[in-house]
Amino acid sequence: MTTENKKRAKNVVYAIARASRCYACDTKLNAGDIIKMQNSQDDREVLCRKCAGLASFEMLRKGDAKLSRLAGKYSSATYTVMQWSQLWKCYERVGILVTPEALAKAQSEM
């Protein structure tokens, strides 16, 4: 596994399938909201985008490989968004989170 793949494997966030609450600020989270899992000694804590520091990132849905590669290249940090598939019983990649500047630069190059 290359260092780039290892880096991306650590930066994983999830689109939740059912309503939940943020562990830090107690904000209600709806199905489809993006969350970050925070490991603790007792259990897993769910953090909203704001508490996880991801509020400034933009979601880029899968489907346009060239745009995704360019935006990932220009973004200072990239997060892979995963969602549970009831059909396949596993997590599937649904897109990436990138900085707005990187997305704008990638769209201007297309």
Protein backbone atom coordinates (compact mmCIF):
# COMPACT_ATOMS: atom_id res chain seq x y z
CA MET A 1 0.00 0.00 0.00
CA THR A 2 1.46 3.35 -1.00
CA THR A 3 1.75 6.26 1.40
CA GLU A 4 -1.01 8.11 -0.47
CA ASN A 5 -3.39 5.15 -0.02
CA LYS A 6 -2.49 4.90 3.67
CA LYS A 7 -3.19 8.62 4.08
CA ARG A 8 -6.60 8.28 2.42
CA ALA A 9 -7.48 5.21 4.49
CA LYS A 10 -7.18 7.30 7.66
CA ASN A 11 -9.34 10.13 6.33
CA VAL A 12 -12.70 8.39 6.25
CA VAL A 13 -16.04 9.96 7.17
CA TYR A 14 -19.50 8.43 6.97
CA ALA A 15 -22.93 9.38 5.62
CA ILE A 16 -25.24 8.04 8.32
CA ALA A 17 -28.25 5.86 7.50
CA ARG A 18 -30.45 6.87 10.44
CA ALA A 19 -30.91 9.82 12.78
CA SER A 20 -28.38 10.33 15.54
CA ARG A 21 -26.89 13.07 17.74
CA CYS A 22 -23.48 14.71 17.85
CA TYR A 23 -21.50 13.64 20.91
CA ALA A 24 -19.86 17.06 21.37
CA CYS A 25 -22.64 19.60 20.73
CA ASP A 26 -25.79 17.40 20.90
CA THR A 27 -26.99 18.59 17.47
CA LYS A 28 -29.57 16.35 15.83
CA LEU A 29 -28.17 14.56 12.78
CA ASN A 30 -30.48 13.33 10.04
CA ALA A 31 -30.08 10.40 7.68
CA GLY A 32 -27.54 11.28 4.99
CA ASP A 33 -25.61 13.78 7.14
CA ILE A 34 -21.84 13.39 7.12
CA ILE A 35 -20.22 12.45 10.42
CA LYS A 36 -16.79 11.55 11.71
CA MET A 37 -16.29 8.71 14.18
CA GLN A 38 -14.16 9.54 17.20
CA ASN A 39 -12.71 6.54 19.02
CA SER A 40 -12.74 6.64 22.81
CA GLN A 41 -12.09 4.03 25.46
CA ASP A 42 -15.78 3.41 26.20
CA ASP A 43 -17.43 3.51 22.77
CA ARG A 44 -17.43 5.28 19.43
CA GLU A 45 -18.43 8.92 19.47
CA VAL A 46 -20.23 10.49 16.51
CA LEU A 47 -19.16 14.05 15.64
CA CYS A 48 -21.03 16.38 13.27
CA ARG A 49 -19.14 18.16 10.48
CA LYS A 50 -18.82 21.35 12.56
CA CYS A 51 -17.35 19.61 15.63
CA ALA A 52 -15.05 17.46 13.48
CA GLY A 53 -13.68 20.57 11.73
CA LEU A 54 -15.13 19.63 8.34
CA ALA A 55 -17.73 22.39 7.96
CA SER A 56 -15.68 24.23 5.33
CA PHE A 57 -15.28 21.17 3.09
CA GLU A 58 -17.53 20.51 0.10
CA MET A 59 -18.97 17.15 -0.92
CA LEU A 60 -18.08 15.90 -4.37
CA ARG A 61 -20.24 12.89 -5.31
CA LYS A 62 -18.72 9.94 -7.15
CA GLY A 63 -19.21 9.72 -10.88
CA ASP A 64 -16.73 12.15 -12.40
CA ALA A 65 -13.31 10.54 -12.04
CA LYS A 66 -11.34 13.36 -13.66
CA LEU A 67 -12.91 16.04 -11.44
CA SER A 68 -12.38 13.88 -8.33
CA ARG A 69 -8.70 13.31 -9.15
CA LEU A 70 -8.05 16.99 -9.83
CA ALA A 71 -9.92 18.19 -6.73
CA GLY A 72 -8.10 15.62 -4.58
CA LYS A 73 -4.79 16.74 -6.03
CA TYR A 74 -5.39 20.43 -5.25
CA SER A 75 -7.05 19.97 -1.86
CA SER A 76 -4.94 20.35 1.29
CA ALA A 77 -6.94 17.51 2.88
CA THR A 78 -9.27 14.94 1.33
CA TYR A 79 -11.82 12.78 3.14
CA THR A 80 -13.47 9.72 1.64
CA VAL A 81 -17.22 9.57 2.33
CA MET A 82 -18.55 6.06 2.96
CA GLN A 83 -22.15 4.89 3.36
CA TRP A 84 -23.59 1.56 4.49
CA SER A 85 -25.28 -0.42 1.70
CA GLN A 86 -28.18 -2.56 2.89
CA LEU A 87 -28.09 -4.47 -0.40
CA TRP A 88 -24.42 -5.47 -0.28
CA LYS A 89 -23.99 -5.38 3.53
CA CYS A 90 -20.80 -3.35 3.36
CA TYR A 91 -19.62 0.27 3.18
CA GLU A 92 -19.52 1.89 -0.25
CA ARG A 93 -17.68 5.02 -1.33
CA VAL A 94 -20.20 7.74 -2.20
CA GLY A 95 -17.84 10.67 -2.74
CA ILE A 96 -15.09 12.82 -1.26
CA LEU A 97 -14.85 15.97 0.83
CA VAL A 98 -12.47 18.58 -0.58
CA THR A 99 -11.74 22.24 0.05
CA PRO A 100 -13.88 24.73 -1.93
CA GLU A 101 -10.77 26.28 -3.49
CA ALA A 102 -9.60 22.92 -4.80
CA LEU A 103 -13.03 22.16 -6.26
CA ALA A 104 -13.16 25.56 -7.99
CA LYS A 105 -9.64 25.13 -9.42
CA ALA A 106 -10.47 21.60 -10.65
CA GLN A 107 -13.71 22.78 -12.30
CA SER A 108 -11.89 25.63 -14.03
CA GLU A 109 -9.40 23.15 -15.56
CA MET A 110 -12.11 20.89 -16.98
